[in-house]
Protein backbone atom coordinates (compact mmCIF):
# COMPACT_ATOMS: atom_id res chain seq x y z
CA MET A 1 -3.95 9.79 25.10
CA THR A 2 -5.74 8.08 22.21
CA ARG A 3 -9.34 9.22 21.84
CA ASP A 4 -12.16 6.78 22.64
CA PHE A 5 -14.15 6.14 19.45
CA SER A 6 -16.22 3.32 20.93
CA ARG A 7 -19.11 5.44 22.19
CA ASP A 8 -19.91 7.56 19.14
CA HIS A 9 -18.74 8.37 15.63
CA ARG A 10 -18.31 12.13 15.88
CA TRP A 11 -14.75 11.86 14.49
CA LEU A 12 -15.73 9.69 11.53
CA SER A 13 -15.44 11.15 8.04
CA ILE A 14 -16.39 9.40 4.82
CA ASN A 15 -14.19 9.78 1.78
CA THR A 16 -16.88 9.78 -0.86
CA ALA A 17 -15.05 7.24 -3.01
CA THR A 18 -16.28 4.69 -0.45
CA VAL A 19 -19.83 4.84 -1.83
CA ARG A 20 -19.18 6.35 -5.25
CA ALA A 21 -20.61 3.30 -7.01
CA GLN A 22 -23.93 3.58 -5.18
CA TRP A 23 -24.86 7.28 -5.09
CA PRO A 24 -24.10 10.70 -6.55
CA LEU A 25 -22.43 13.17 -4.22
CA ASP A 26 -25.52 15.11 -3.16
CA ARG A 27 -27.17 11.86 -2.08
CA ILE A 28 -23.99 10.84 -0.23
CA ILE A 29 -24.09 14.10 1.73
CA ASP A 30 -27.73 13.55 2.70
CA GLU A 31 -27.18 9.91 3.67
CA CYS A 32 -24.19 10.83 5.83
CA ALA A 33 -26.11 13.63 7.53
CA ALA A 34 -29.00 11.28 8.28
CA ARG A 35 -26.58 9.01 10.16
CA GLY A 36 -24.87 11.74 12.13
CA ILE A 37 -21.68 11.53 10.06
CA ARG A 38 -20.30 15.04 10.38
CA ALA A 39 -17.73 15.16 7.59
CA ILE A 40 -16.89 13.93 4.11
CA SER A 41 -13.97 14.25 1.72
CA PRO A 42 -15.30 14.51 -1.83
CA TRP A 43 -13.57 13.86 -5.14
CA ARG A 44 -13.44 16.48 -7.85
CA ASP A 45 -15.13 14.32 -10.47
CA GLN A 46 -18.03 13.67 -8.11
CA VAL A 47 -18.34 17.40 -7.43
CA ALA A 48 -18.28 18.14 -11.16
CA GLN A 49 -20.97 15.54 -11.85
CA VAL A 50 -23.42 17.17 -9.43
CA GLY A 51 -22.20 20.77 -9.74
CA ILE A 52 -20.22 22.69 -7.16
CA GLY A 53 -23.14 24.99 -6.41
CA ARG A 54 -25.43 22.07 -5.61
CA VAL A 55 -22.73 20.45 -3.45
CA ALA A 56 -22.16 23.67 -1.51
CA GLU A 57 -25.91 24.03 -0.98
CA ARG A 58 -26.26 20.50 0.40
CA LEU A 59 -23.30 20.99 2.71
CA ARG A 60 -24.83 24.19 4.08
CA ALA A 61 -28.28 22.65 4.46
CA THR A 62 -27.07 19.54 6.28
CA GLY A 63 -24.22 21.02 8.29
CA VAL A 64 -21.82 18.40 6.91
CA GLU A 65 -18.25 19.71 6.66
CA LEU A 66 -15.17 18.57 4.79
CA SER A 67 -12.15 16.72 6.18
CA GLY A 68 -10.26 17.22 2.91
CA TYR A 69 -10.71 17.57 -0.84
CA CYS A 70 -9.49 15.01 -3.38
CA ARG A 71 -7.38 15.75 -5.22
CA GLY A 72 -4.66 17.90 -6.72
CA GLY A 73 -1.21 16.86 -7.85
CA MET A 74 -0.24 14.90 -10.97
CA PHE A 75 2.62 17.31 -11.59
CA PRO A 76 5.16 15.39 -13.74
CA ALA A 77 5.09 16.00 -17.48
CA SER A 78 7.51 15.58 -20.33
CA THR A 79 6.84 19.01 -21.90
CA PRO A 80 6.63 22.60 -20.60
CA GLU A 81 3.05 22.72 -21.84
CA GLY A 82 2.19 19.64 -19.78
CA ARG A 83 3.71 21.14 -16.66
CA ARG A 84 1.79 24.39 -17.16
CA ALA A 85 -1.45 22.46 -17.62
CA ALA A 86 -0.83 20.63 -14.35
CA LEU A 87 -0.27 23.91 -12.53
CA ASP A 88 -3.46 25.38 -13.99
CA ASP A 89 -5.41 22.33 -12.89
CA ASN A 90 -4.04 22.56 -9.37
CA ARG A 91 -5.01 26.21 -9.11
CA ARG A 92 -8.56 25.28 -10.10
CA ALA A 93 -8.57 22.52 -7.49
CA ILE A 94 -7.44 24.98 -4.82
CA ASP A 95 -10.20 27.41 -5.77
CA ASP A 96 -12.85 24.68 -5.62
CA ALA A 97 -11.53 23.44 -2.26
CA LYS A 98 -11.81 27.01 -0.97
CA THR A 99 -15.38 27.32 -2.25
CA LEU A 100 -16.32 24.17 -0.34
CA ALA A 101 -14.44 25.26 2.81
CA ALA A 102 -12.13 22.25 2.77
CA PRO A 103 -9.40 22.24 5.44
CA CYS A 104 -6.83 20.99 2.91
CA LEU A 105 -6.35 19.87 -0.68
CA VAL A 106 -4.87 16.37 -0.86
CA LEU A 107 -2.07 15.96 -3.41
CA VAL A 108 -1.52 12.67 -5.24
CA VAL A 109 1.64 13.90 -6.86
CA GLY A 110 1.89 11.77 -10.01
CA GLY A 111 4.45 9.36 -11.40
CA LEU A 112 6.12 8.82 -14.76
CA PRO A 113 4.40 10.96 -17.41
CA GLY A 114 2.00 8.86 -19.46
CA ALA A 115 2.26 5.81 -17.22
CA SER A 116 -1.31 6.14 -15.95
CA ASN A 117 -2.43 5.62 -19.56
CA GLY A 118 -0.12 2.64 -20.00
CA LYS A 119 2.39 4.54 -22.13
CA PRO A 120 5.21 5.97 -19.98
CA GLU A 121 7.09 8.67 -21.84
CA HIS A 122 10.32 8.04 -19.96
CA LYS A 123 11.75 5.93 -17.14
CA ASP A 124 13.49 8.64 -15.13
CA ILE A 125 11.74 8.58 -11.75
CA ALA A 126 14.23 11.09 -10.37
CA ALA A 127 13.08 13.54 -13.03
CA ALA A 128 9.47 12.88 -12.06
CA ARG A 129 10.33 13.66 -8.45
CA ARG A 130 11.98 16.92 -9.52
CA ASP A 131 8.78 17.82 -11.36
CA VAL A 132 6.83 17.13 -8.17
CA HIS A 133 9.14 19.38 -6.15
CA ASP A 134 8.91 22.17 -8.71
CA GLY A 135 5.17 21.75 -9.18
CA ILE A 136 4.39 22.02 -5.48
CA ALA A 137 6.76 24.98 -5.17
CA ALA A 138 4.94 26.75 -8.01
CA THR A 139 1.52 25.91 -6.54
CA LEU A 140 2.25 27.07 -3.00
CA GLU A 141 1.89 30.78 -3.77
CA HIS A 142 -1.68 30.33 -5.01
CA ALA A 143 -2.46 27.98 -2.12
CA ARG A 144 -1.14 30.46 0.44
CA ALA A 145 -3.09 33.32 -1.11
CA ALA A 146 -6.25 31.23 -0.92
CA GLY A 147 -5.50 30.02 2.60
CA MET A 148 -5.69 26.42 1.40
CA PRO A 149 -3.12 24.02 2.93
CA LEU A 150 -1.71 21.34 0.63
CA ALA A 151 -1.46 17.79 1.99
CA ILE A 152 1.06 15.55 0.22
CA GLU A 153 -0.17 11.95 0.32
CA PRO A 154 2.60 9.36 -0.07
CA LEU A 155 1.33 6.31 -1.91
CA HIS A 156 2.45 2.69 -1.58
CA PRO A 157 5.50 1.92 -3.76
CA MET A 158 3.35 -0.23 -6.08
CA TYR A 159 1.98 3.09 -7.40
CA ALA A 160 5.37 4.74 -7.96
CA ALA A 161 5.20 4.50 -11.74
CA ASP A 162 1.67 5.60 -12.49
CA ARG A 163 0.20 7.51 -9.54
CA ALA A 164 2.76 8.85 -7.08
CA CYS A 165 6.55 8.83 -7.04
CA ILE A 166 6.48 10.00 -3.40
CA ASN A 167 6.12 6.69 -1.56
CA THR A 168 7.09 7.15 2.08
CA LEU A 169 6.13 9.63 4.74
CA GLU A 170 9.82 10.50 5.02
CA GLN A 171 9.93 11.56 1.36
CA ALA A 172 6.79 13.65 1.78
CA LEU A 173 8.17 15.38 4.88
CA ASP A 174 11.48 16.03 3.15
CA LEU A 175 9.49 17.93 0.51
CA CYS A 176 7.62 19.83 3.21
CA ASP A 177 10.86 20.81 4.93
CA ALA A 178 12.46 21.90 1.66
CA LEU A 179 9.50 23.98 0.47
CA ASP A 180 8.05 25.19 3.78
CA PRO A 181 10.93 25.18 6.26
CA ARG A 182 9.20 27.58 8.65
CA ARG A 183 6.21 25.22 9.04
CA SER A 184 3.79 27.95 8.05
CA GLY A 185 0.81 25.60 7.93
CA SER A 186 0.56 25.82 4.15
CA LEU A 187 2.12 22.41 3.46
CA GLY A 188 1.76 19.08 5.22
CA VAL A 189 0.87 15.44 4.71
CA ALA A 190 -2.10 13.11 4.48
CA VAL A 191 -1.37 9.82 6.25
CA ASP A 192 -3.30 6.98 4.61
CA VAL A 193 -2.75 3.71 6.46
CA TYR A 194 -3.24 1.67 3.27
CA HIS A 195 -0.13 3.26 1.81
CA VAL A 196 2.19 3.56 4.79
CA TRP A 197 1.32 0.82 7.32
CA TRP A 198 4.29 -1.33 6.24
CA ASP A 199 6.95 1.39 6.65
CA PRO A 200 9.49 0.55 9.42
CA LYS A 201 10.10 4.29 9.89
CA LEU A 202 6.42 5.17 10.22
CA GLU A 203 6.26 5.90 13.95
CA ALA A 204 9.34 8.12 13.85
CA GLN A 205 8.16 9.99 10.76
CA ILE A 206 4.71 10.63 12.24
CA ALA A 207 6.42 12.09 15.28
CA ARG A 208 8.61 14.17 12.99
CA ALA A 209 5.53 15.49 11.18
CA GLY A 210 3.95 16.83 14.34
CA ARG A 211 0.65 18.59 14.67
CA ASP A 212 1.35 21.29 12.10
CA ARG A 213 2.20 18.84 9.30
CA LEU A 214 -0.50 16.20 9.97
CA LEU A 215 -3.38 17.51 7.88
CA ALA A 216 -5.40 14.34 7.21
CA PHE A 217 -5.65 10.73 8.40
CA HIS A 218 -7.20 8.04 6.18
CA VAL A 219 -8.21 4.56 7.28
CA CYS A 220 -9.20 1.26 5.68
CA ASP A 221 -7.49 -2.15 5.82
CA TRP A 222 -5.05 -4.30 3.84
CA LEU A 223 -6.57 -7.64 2.90
CA VAL A 224 -4.62 -10.88 2.65
CA PRO A 225 -4.81 -11.88 -0.11
CA THR A 226 -5.41 -8.63 -1.98
CA ARG A 227 -7.15 -9.46 -5.24
CA ASP A 228 -6.75 -6.05 -6.91
CA LEU A 229 -4.02 -3.63 -5.85
CA LEU A 230 -6.15 -0.55 -6.52
CA ASN A 231 -9.74 -1.58 -5.90
CA ASP A 232 -9.66 -4.22 -3.16
CA ARG A 233 -9.18 -2.22 0.00
CA GLY A 234 -10.64 -3.78 3.12
CA MET A 235 -13.11 -2.51 5.66
CA MET A 236 -11.42 -1.63 8.94
CA GLY A 237 -10.91 -4.78 11.01
CA ASP A 238 -10.93 -7.16 8.05
CA GLY A 239 -7.19 -7.01 7.31
CA VAL A 240 -3.72 -6.84 8.82
CA ILE A 241 -3.19 -3.13 9.60
CA ASP A 242 -2.81 -2.27 13.28
CA LEU A 243 -5.15 0.70 13.00
CA ARG A 244 -5.29 1.62 16.66
CA LYS A 245 -1.52 1.61 17.02
CA ILE A 246 -1.09 3.93 14.05
CA ARG A 247 -3.90 6.22 15.23
CA GLY A 248 -2.18 6.31 18.60
CA TRP A 249 1.03 7.50 16.96
CA VAL A 250 -0.83 10.15 14.97
CA GLU A 251 -2.69 11.44 18.01
CA ALA A 252 0.45 11.39 20.15
CA ALA A 253 1.97 13.71 17.54
CA GLY A 254 -0.92 16.14 18.05
CA TYR A 255 -3.50 15.19 15.43
CA ASP A 256 -7.05 15.59 16.69
CA GLY A 257 -9.08 15.64 13.47
CA TYR A 258 -11.26 13.18 11.62
CA SER A 259 -10.46 9.57 10.79
CA GLU A 260 -11.47 9.45 7.15
CA VAL A 261 -12.66 6.12 5.76
CA GLU A 262 -11.47 5.68 2.16
CA ILE A 263 -12.31 2.31 0.59
CA PHE A 264 -11.98 1.42 -3.09
CA SER A 265 -13.67 -1.96 -3.41
CA SER A 266 -15.02 -3.03 -6.78
CA LEU A 267 -15.15 -6.68 -5.67
CA ASP A 268 -17.00 -6.16 -2.39
CA TRP A 269 -18.16 -2.90 -0.81
CA TRP A 270 -19.07 -1.14 -4.06
CA GLN A 271 -21.43 -4.04 -4.74
CA ARG A 272 -23.33 -3.64 -1.45
CA PRO A 273 -26.16 -1.16 -0.72
CA GLY A 274 -24.78 2.24 0.20
CA GLY A 275 -26.63 2.30 3.50
CA VAL A 276 -25.07 -1.00 4.51
CA VAL A 277 -21.62 0.37 3.69
CA LEU A 278 -22.09 3.54 5.74
CA ASP A 279 -23.58 1.65 8.68
CA THR A 280 -20.63 -0.74 8.61
CA CYS A 281 -18.20 2.18 8.51
CA ILE A 282 -19.84 3.57 11.64
CA ALA A 283 -19.67 0.23 13.45
CA ARG A 284 -16.04 -0.46 12.48
CA HIS A 285 -14.97 3.10 13.29
CA ARG A 286 -16.14 2.36 16.82
CA SER A 287 -14.79 -1.16 17.11
CA ALA A 288 -11.63 -1.29 14.97
CA VAL A 289 -10.24 2.24 14.52
């Protein structure tokens, strides 16, 4: 049975990108705590800006916990040195996630090398996907030793070149099955509705994932029209995603964790006061999610 979110917001988490334009991370933690928001998912650059020690202190002081940590990944490279650098960076991300007691490290796996800088070094997306496979395989040992599950996040196909060449939940689960066939709990997926709502196989693939692969659930909305494909995500209820149906599928598969609001919105929500954004997230979590 789908949980009733209408009475409280105890299962609301805030991905800290949602108010990154308004506040530094330590302020975000305090503002969430003041509103009874029990969890956040911070980004590594925001942690680095404030300092991991300060972030850990504020989490302890407020009792706010993590629903995930953003992000590892970005595995493809055109040189051995580039691949080694990516692995080193992912090990650091795992260690930081462990320090902050995150339940998982979210992986945005990367696309064509150089494409995120506007200069793709090749056009072989199959090679990029092999790099992703090999990179996750090489990272799993460190993740298992640290007790830090890795959550592969498939991104919408519009990001295949520059951000993630894993674009459907089916692809992500195929990787999980290949690299963790025993379902050890060390490898799973992050289901972000913005990226997967359109997929005709979504319900079946969520069921395939099951409780042990569903590590994170992200919500926002898809606006029509979308004015910027990266930074014009909608507040829940303002777009065309059937959020409650998808949450029902996720919960039917056994997921009982946080619904994490992740909104990149340079044209709207990043221009509003942070308190207004958080209060709206609370209201829409109750009414639309």
